[in-house]
Amino acid sequence: MKTLSITGFVIALLGIAVGIYNQLTYVTAYHAHMCKTDILSQRDCDTTQDMQILLGQTAILAGVLAFILCLWPTIRQKKSYLAYFGILLSVIAVLIGLMQATHMFDYTGYFVK
C-alpha cells in the first residue's frame, strides 16, 4: 500500500508540474500573441492553443490517475498520510488541468470563436 501511495504522490506532483509549465509557457505565449489577424500569428495562436489544451488534458489524466492510486491505500489503511496528501495534490492537478484545457475560467474571450 505504501508503494501505491508513493506512486500516486509522485504522479500528482508530475501533474502539477505539467500544469505549472503549461501556465508559464503556453498560456502566457497565447495571451502575448493575442490572436492577431495575420497568417503567421494565427498559426502561432493555433499551435499554442493546441499545446495548451494537450498539456491541460495531460494534467487532468495525471491527477485522476494519482487520485485513484492514492484513494486505494486510504480505503484499505486509515493512517496513510502520504496518500491523503497525494489525494489533495491530485485534486489540485485536476483543477489546474481543467482550468487550462476546458477554459472554465477564461474571462478574456480569447478562446471564443
N, C-alpha and C. Protein backbone atom coordinates (compact mmCIF):
# COMPACT_ATOMS: atom_id res chain seq x y z
N MET A 1 0.81 -1.20 0.00
CA MET A 1 0.00 0.00 0.00
C MET A 1 0.86 1.27 0.00
N LYS A 2 2.01 1.20 0.63
CA LYS A 2 2.88 2.37 0.66
C LYS A 2 3.42 2.67 -0.74
N THR A 3 3.64 1.62 -1.53
CA THR A 3 4.12 1.82 -2.90
C THR A 3 3.08 2.55 -3.73
N LEU A 4 1.80 2.19 -3.56
CA LEU A 4 0.74 2.90 -4.28
C LEU A 4 0.66 4.36 -3.84
N SER A 5 0.83 4.60 -2.56
CA SER A 5 0.79 5.98 -2.06
C SER A 5 1.91 6.82 -2.64
N ILE A 6 3.10 6.25 -2.66
CA ILE A 6 4.25 6.99 -3.19
C ILE A 6 4.10 7.21 -4.69
N THR A 7 3.63 6.19 -5.40
CA THR A 7 3.42 6.33 -6.85
C THR A 7 2.37 7.39 -7.15
N GLY A 8 1.26 7.36 -6.44
CA GLY A 8 0.22 8.37 -6.65
C GLY A 8 0.69 9.76 -6.30
N PHE A 9 1.47 9.88 -5.23
CA PHE A 9 2.01 11.17 -4.81
C PHE A 9 2.93 11.74 -5.89
N VAL A 10 3.80 10.89 -6.43
CA VAL A 10 4.74 11.36 -7.48
C VAL A 10 3.99 11.73 -8.75
N ILE A 11 2.99 10.96 -9.12
CA ILE A 11 2.21 11.28 -10.32
C ILE A 11 1.43 12.58 -10.12
N ALA A 12 0.93 12.81 -8.92
CA ALA A 12 0.25 14.07 -8.64
C ALA A 12 1.22 15.26 -8.74
N LEU A 13 2.43 15.08 -8.24
CA LEU A 13 3.43 16.14 -8.37
C LEU A 13 3.77 16.39 -9.84
N LEU A 14 3.87 15.32 -10.63
CA LEU A 14 4.14 15.50 -12.06
C LEU A 14 2.98 16.21 -12.76
N GLY A 15 1.76 15.90 -12.37
CA GLY A 15 0.60 16.59 -12.95
C GLY A 15 0.61 18.07 -12.64
N ILE A 16 0.96 18.42 -11.40
CA ILE A 16 1.06 19.83 -11.04
C ILE A 16 2.21 20.50 -11.79
N ALA A 17 3.31 19.79 -11.95
CA ALA A 17 4.45 20.36 -12.69
C ALA A 17 4.09 20.62 -14.14
N VAL A 18 3.35 19.70 -14.75
CA VAL A 18 2.91 19.91 -16.14
C VAL A 18 1.97 21.12 -16.21
N GLY A 19 1.08 21.25 -15.24
CA GLY A 19 0.18 22.40 -15.22
C GLY A 19 0.90 23.72 -15.05
N ILE A 20 1.89 23.75 -14.17
CA ILE A 20 2.65 24.98 -13.97
C ILE A 20 3.48 25.31 -15.21
N TYR A 21 4.09 24.28 -15.82
CA TYR A 21 4.85 24.51 -17.05
C TYR A 21 3.94 25.05 -18.16
N ASN A 22 2.77 24.48 -18.27
CA ASN A 22 1.81 24.94 -19.27
C ASN A 22 1.41 26.39 -19.02
N GLN A 23 1.18 26.72 -17.77
CA GLN A 23 0.77 28.08 -17.44
C GLN A 23 1.87 29.08 -17.74
N LEU A 24 3.10 28.72 -17.44
CA LEU A 24 4.20 29.67 -17.61
C LEU A 24 4.67 29.80 -19.05
N THR A 25 4.46 28.78 -19.88
CA THR A 25 4.95 28.86 -21.25
C THR A 25 3.84 29.10 -22.26
N TYR A 26 2.89 28.19 -22.34
CA TYR A 26 1.92 28.25 -23.44
C TYR A 26 0.76 29.19 -23.18
N VAL A 27 0.28 29.28 -21.96
CA VAL A 27 -0.82 30.19 -21.68
C VAL A 27 -0.37 31.63 -21.82
N THR A 28 0.80 31.95 -21.28
CA THR A 28 1.29 33.32 -21.43
C THR A 28 1.68 33.63 -22.87
N ALA A 29 2.19 32.64 -23.59
CA ALA A 29 2.52 32.87 -25.01
C ALA A 29 1.26 33.12 -25.82
N TYR A 30 0.20 32.40 -25.50
CA TYR A 30 -1.05 32.60 -26.23
C TYR A 30 -1.61 33.99 -25.97
N HIS A 31 -1.58 34.42 -24.73
CA HIS A 31 -2.10 35.75 -24.43
C HIS A 31 -1.17 36.85 -24.93
N ALA A 32 0.12 36.55 -25.12
CA ALA A 32 1.04 37.54 -25.67
C ALA A 32 0.77 37.76 -27.16
N HIS A 33 0.41 36.69 -27.87
CA HIS A 33 0.09 36.84 -29.29
C HIS A 33 -1.23 37.56 -29.50
N MET A 34 -2.16 37.34 -28.63
CA MET A 34 -3.50 37.94 -28.66
C MET A 34 -4.21 37.70 -29.99
N CYS A 35 -3.87 36.64 -30.67
CA CYS A 35 -4.54 36.19 -31.89
C CYS A 35 -4.74 37.32 -32.90
N LYS A 36 -3.65 37.83 -33.38
CA LYS A 36 -3.71 38.87 -34.40
C LYS A 36 -4.21 38.28 -35.71
N THR A 37 -4.50 39.10 -36.65
CA THR A 37 -5.18 38.63 -37.85
C THR A 37 -4.24 38.14 -38.95
N ASP A 38 -2.95 38.46 -38.91
CA ASP A 38 -2.08 37.99 -39.99
C ASP A 38 -1.87 36.48 -39.89
N ILE A 39 -1.46 35.87 -40.99
CA ILE A 39 -1.41 34.41 -41.11
C ILE A 39 -0.40 33.80 -40.15
N LEU A 40 0.79 34.36 -40.05
CA LEU A 40 1.82 33.79 -39.20
C LEU A 40 1.39 33.81 -37.74
N SER A 41 0.83 34.90 -37.29
CA SER A 41 0.40 35.00 -35.91
C SER A 41 -0.78 34.06 -35.64
N GLN A 42 -1.66 33.88 -36.61
CA GLN A 42 -2.79 32.97 -36.43
C GLN A 42 -2.30 31.53 -36.28
N ARG A 43 -1.28 31.14 -37.07
CA ARG A 43 -0.71 29.80 -36.91
C ARG A 43 -0.06 29.63 -35.54
N ASP A 44 0.65 30.66 -35.10
CA ASP A 44 1.24 30.60 -33.76
C ASP A 44 0.17 30.47 -32.68
N CYS A 45 -0.91 31.20 -32.84
CA CYS A 45 -2.01 31.12 -31.88
C CYS A 45 -2.63 29.74 -31.86
N ASP A 46 -2.84 29.15 -33.04
CA ASP A 46 -3.42 27.81 -33.09
C ASP A 46 -2.49 26.77 -32.48
N THR A 47 -1.19 26.90 -32.74
CA THR A 47 -0.22 25.95 -32.19
C THR A 47 -0.16 26.04 -30.67
N THR A 48 -0.10 27.26 -30.16
CA THR A 48 -0.02 27.40 -28.70
C THR A 48 -1.32 26.98 -28.03
N GLN A 49 -2.46 27.23 -28.68
CA GLN A 49 -3.73 26.80 -28.09
C GLN A 49 -3.83 25.28 -28.08
N ASP A 50 -3.40 24.63 -29.16
CA ASP A 50 -3.42 23.16 -29.19
C ASP A 50 -2.50 22.57 -28.13
N MET A 51 -1.33 23.14 -27.96
CA MET A 51 -0.40 22.64 -26.96
C MET A 51 -0.93 22.91 -25.55
N GLN A 52 -1.57 24.04 -25.36
CA GLN A 52 -2.16 24.36 -24.07
C GLN A 52 -3.24 23.35 -23.71
N ILE A 53 -4.08 23.00 -24.65
CA ILE A 53 -5.14 22.03 -24.39
C ILE A 53 -4.55 20.65 -24.14
N LEU A 54 -3.54 20.26 -24.91
CA LEU A 54 -2.92 18.94 -24.73
C LEU A 54 -2.27 18.81 -23.35
N LEU A 55 -1.52 19.82 -22.94
CA LEU A 55 -0.89 19.75 -21.62
C LEU A 55 -1.91 19.84 -20.49
N GLY A 56 -2.99 20.57 -20.71
CA GLY A 56 -4.06 20.61 -19.71
C GLY A 56 -4.73 19.26 -19.55
N GLN A 57 -4.95 18.57 -20.67
CA GLN A 57 -5.53 17.24 -20.60
C GLN A 57 -4.57 16.24 -19.95
N THR A 58 -3.28 16.43 -20.17
CA THR A 58 -2.28 15.58 -19.52
C THR A 58 -2.31 15.78 -18.01
N ALA A 59 -2.45 17.02 -17.57
CA ALA A 59 -2.54 17.29 -16.13
C ALA A 59 -3.81 16.68 -15.54
N ILE A 60 -4.91 16.71 -16.28
CA ILE A 60 -6.16 16.09 -15.81
C ILE A 60 -5.98 14.59 -15.66
N LEU A 61 -5.42 13.94 -16.67
CA LEU A 61 -5.24 12.49 -16.61
C LEU A 61 -4.28 12.09 -15.50
N ALA A 62 -3.21 12.84 -15.32
CA ALA A 62 -2.27 12.54 -14.23
C ALA A 62 -2.94 12.72 -12.88
N GLY A 63 -3.76 13.74 -12.74
CA GLY A 63 -4.45 13.97 -11.48
C GLY A 63 -5.47 12.87 -11.16
N VAL A 64 -6.20 12.43 -12.18
CA VAL A 64 -7.19 11.36 -11.96
C VAL A 64 -6.48 10.05 -11.62
N LEU A 65 -5.41 9.74 -12.34
CA LEU A 65 -4.66 8.52 -12.05
C LEU A 65 -4.06 8.56 -10.64
N ALA A 66 -3.52 9.70 -10.25
CA ALA A 66 -2.96 9.84 -8.91
C ALA A 66 -4.05 9.75 -7.86
N PHE A 67 -5.21 10.29 -8.14
CA PHE A 67 -6.33 10.20 -7.19
C PHE A 67 -6.73 8.75 -6.96
N ILE A 68 -6.83 7.99 -8.03
CA ILE A 68 -7.20 6.58 -7.90
C ILE A 68 -6.11 5.81 -7.15
N LEU A 69 -4.85 6.06 -7.49
CA LEU A 69 -3.76 5.36 -6.82
C LEU A 69 -3.65 5.71 -5.34
N CYS A 70 -4.00 6.93 -4.98
CA CYS A 70 -3.92 7.32 -3.56
C CYS A 70 -5.20 6.98 -2.80
N LEU A 71 -6.29 6.84 -3.49
CA LEU A 71 -7.55 6.52 -2.81
C LEU A 71 -7.57 5.09 -2.31
N TRP A 72 -6.99 4.18 -3.06
CA TRP A 72 -7.00 2.77 -2.67
C TRP A 72 -6.29 2.53 -1.33
N PRO A 73 -5.08 3.05 -1.11
CA PRO A 73 -4.47 2.86 0.22
C PRO A 73 -5.23 3.57 1.34
N THR A 74 -5.92 4.67 1.01
CA THR A 74 -6.69 5.38 2.01
C THR A 74 -7.87 4.54 2.48
N ILE A 75 -8.48 3.82 1.57
CA ILE A 75 -9.60 2.96 1.93
C ILE A 75 -9.12 1.75 2.74
N ARG A 76 -8.01 1.18 2.33
CA ARG A 76 -7.51 -0.03 3.00
C ARG A 76 -6.86 0.26 4.35
N GLN A 77 -6.12 1.34 4.44
CA GLN A 77 -5.44 1.71 5.69
C GLN A 77 -5.86 3.13 6.05
N LYS A 78 -6.20 3.34 7.26
CA LYS A 78 -6.67 4.67 7.66
C LYS A 78 -5.54 5.65 7.97
N LYS A 79 -4.34 5.16 8.28
CA LYS A 79 -3.26 6.06 8.66
C LYS A 79 -2.22 6.21 7.57
N SER A 80 -2.66 6.34 6.36
CA SER A 80 -1.75 6.55 5.24
C SER A 80 -1.74 8.03 4.90
N TYR A 81 -0.91 8.78 5.61
CA TYR A 81 -0.90 10.24 5.46
C TYR A 81 -0.35 10.69 4.12
N LEU A 82 0.57 9.93 3.57
CA LEU A 82 1.09 10.27 2.24
C LEU A 82 -0.01 10.14 1.19
N ALA A 83 -0.88 9.18 1.37
CA ALA A 83 -1.99 9.01 0.44
C ALA A 83 -2.97 10.18 0.55
N TYR A 84 -3.22 10.65 1.77
CA TYR A 84 -4.10 11.81 1.94
C TYR A 84 -3.51 13.05 1.26
N PHE A 85 -2.23 13.25 1.42
CA PHE A 85 -1.57 14.38 0.78
C PHE A 85 -1.55 14.22 -0.73
N GLY A 86 -1.39 12.98 -1.21
CA GLY A 86 -1.45 12.70 -2.64
C GLY A 86 -2.83 12.98 -3.22
N ILE A 87 -3.87 12.68 -2.44
CA ILE A 87 -5.23 12.99 -2.90
C ILE A 87 -5.41 14.50 -3.02
N LEU A 88 -4.92 15.24 -2.05
CA LEU A 88 -5.01 16.70 -2.12
C LEU A 88 -4.27 17.25 -3.33
N LEU A 89 -3.06 16.76 -3.57
CA LEU A 89 -2.30 17.23 -4.73
C LEU A 89 -2.94 16.79 -6.04
N SER A 90 -3.55 15.63 -6.07
CA SER A 90 -4.19 15.18 -7.31
C SER A 90 -5.42 16.02 -7.63
N VAL A 91 -6.14 16.44 -6.61
CA VAL A 91 -7.28 17.34 -6.86
C VAL A 91 -6.79 18.68 -7.39
N ILE A 92 -5.68 19.17 -6.87
CA ILE A 92 -5.10 20.41 -7.38
C ILE A 92 -4.67 20.25 -8.83
N ALA A 93 -4.05 19.11 -9.16
CA ALA A 93 -3.63 18.86 -10.54
C ALA A 93 -4.82 18.81 -11.47
N VAL A 94 -5.91 18.17 -11.05
CA VAL A 94 -7.11 18.10 -11.89
C VAL A 94 -7.70 19.50 -12.09
N LEU A 95 -7.75 20.30 -11.04
CA LEU A 95 -8.29 21.65 -11.19
C LEU A 95 -7.43 22.52 -12.10
N ILE A 96 -6.12 22.41 -11.98
CA ILE A 96 -5.23 23.17 -12.88
C ILE A 96 -5.46 22.73 -14.32
N GLY A 97 -5.55 21.43 -14.55
CA GLY A 97 -5.79 20.93 -15.89
C GLY A 97 -7.14 21.36 -16.44
N LEU A 98 -8.17 21.35 -15.60
CA LEU A 98 -9.49 21.79 -16.05
C LEU A 98 -9.50 23.27 -16.40
N MET A 99 -8.78 24.07 -15.64
CA MET A 99 -8.73 25.49 -15.94
C MET A 99 -8.05 25.75 -17.28
N GLN A 100 -7.06 24.93 -17.61
CA GLN A 100 -6.30 25.19 -18.83
C GLN A 100 -6.88 24.48 -20.04
N ALA A 101 -7.42 23.31 -19.88
CA ALA A 101 -7.87 22.54 -21.04
C ALA A 101 -9.31 22.84 -21.44
N THR A 102 -10.15 23.18 -20.47
CA THR A 102 -11.55 23.43 -20.80
C THR A 102 -11.91 24.90 -20.80
N HIS A 103 -10.97 25.75 -20.42
CA HIS A 103 -11.16 27.20 -20.39
C HIS A 103 -12.33 27.59 -19.50
N MET A 104 -12.45 26.93 -18.37
CA MET A 104 -13.54 27.23 -17.44
C MET A 104 -13.46 28.66 -16.92
N PHE A 105 -12.26 29.14 -16.71
CA PHE A 105 -12.08 30.45 -16.11
C PHE A 105 -11.49 31.44 -17.10
N ASP A 106 -11.82 31.30 -18.37
CA ASP A 106 -11.29 32.20 -19.38
C ASP A 106 -12.20 33.42 -19.48
N TYR A 107 -11.82 34.48 -18.83
CA TYR A 107 -12.61 35.69 -18.84
C TYR A 107 -12.17 36.66 -19.92
N THR A 108 -11.09 36.33 -20.64
CA THR A 108 -10.56 37.27 -21.62
C THR A 108 -11.30 37.22 -22.95
N GLY A 109 -11.91 36.09 -23.26
CA GLY A 109 -12.62 35.96 -24.53
C GLY A 109 -11.74 35.53 -25.67
N TYR A 110 -10.48 35.16 -25.41
CA TYR A 110 -9.57 34.75 -26.48
C TYR A 110 -10.01 33.44 -27.11
N PHE A 111 -10.64 32.58 -26.35
CA PHE A 111 -10.96 31.25 -26.86
C PHE A 111 -12.35 31.18 -27.45
N VAL A 112 -13.07 32.25 -27.44
CA VAL A 112 -14.40 32.27 -28.04
C VAL A 112 -14.24 32.49 -29.53
N LYS A 113 -14.77 31.58 -30.32
CA LYS A 113 -14.62 31.70 -31.78
C LYS A 113 -15.94 31.96 -32.43
